[in-house]
């Protein structure tokens, strides 16, 4: 009998979740990136095992290399759902990640998977209990459809983000909003019950971005990007259809 020992250092891992429910996406996805090799493990994580610039990390196992320095390399991964239930997205990853086992609780730790949220395509199934927004995103003053737009739904009373979504290459978007109660207490005098929740729907567009978006970057940079807002009333089980325009200089 021949016993072989095989050791391999991993560089990072993606934990891909549903952008509506936060639950892991269990269907097979495609994760790729220039100069990278990804492997799906038994837990459903997508593990980065090779990346250009980090070749030395594959040969030195007991003492991780100090060059390049932690977080000095940024690579882009492309996450694609072949079934079309979820929209494709880009995910930025900074490498090397911190290999110190005493830092496992830190967000940049090698032992912490990177959460990547996938948002539903316009053809994705929805729960009958969700409030749903079906939107067409267009450039103000024209019929130009805007793909890769980020849609955020914020509760009007306190600004809490209730849901997010993306528009596809045709400018069409499905934003599912779970957790809208069937009845709510209204602010009017007396014990008045309501069935609607007022929200602000915000659209963020980067005119220079490619169609495959990075929703995290759109969110982080939204103050400096083109955007628009509209007030909408949502209710559990109701679908709202809107044409949302964004002024782009």
Foldseek 3Di string as FASTA:
>chain_A
DDDDDDDADWQAKEQEAAQAPRHGDQDDKDKDFPQWDWDQDPVRIIITRTHPLLVVQGVDPPDGDPPPPAQPDKTKMWIGDPVQQWAIAIDIDGDRAADPPVPCVDPRHRNDHHYDYTYGAPPHDDDLFWWKEKEAEAAPPDRHTAAFKKKWKAFPVPRHTQWIWGAAPRRIIMITGPDQDCWDADPDPDRDIDFKTKIKIKIFHAPPDDNRYHVVVSVVCRVVTWMDIDIDITGTSHYHYYYHYTHDD
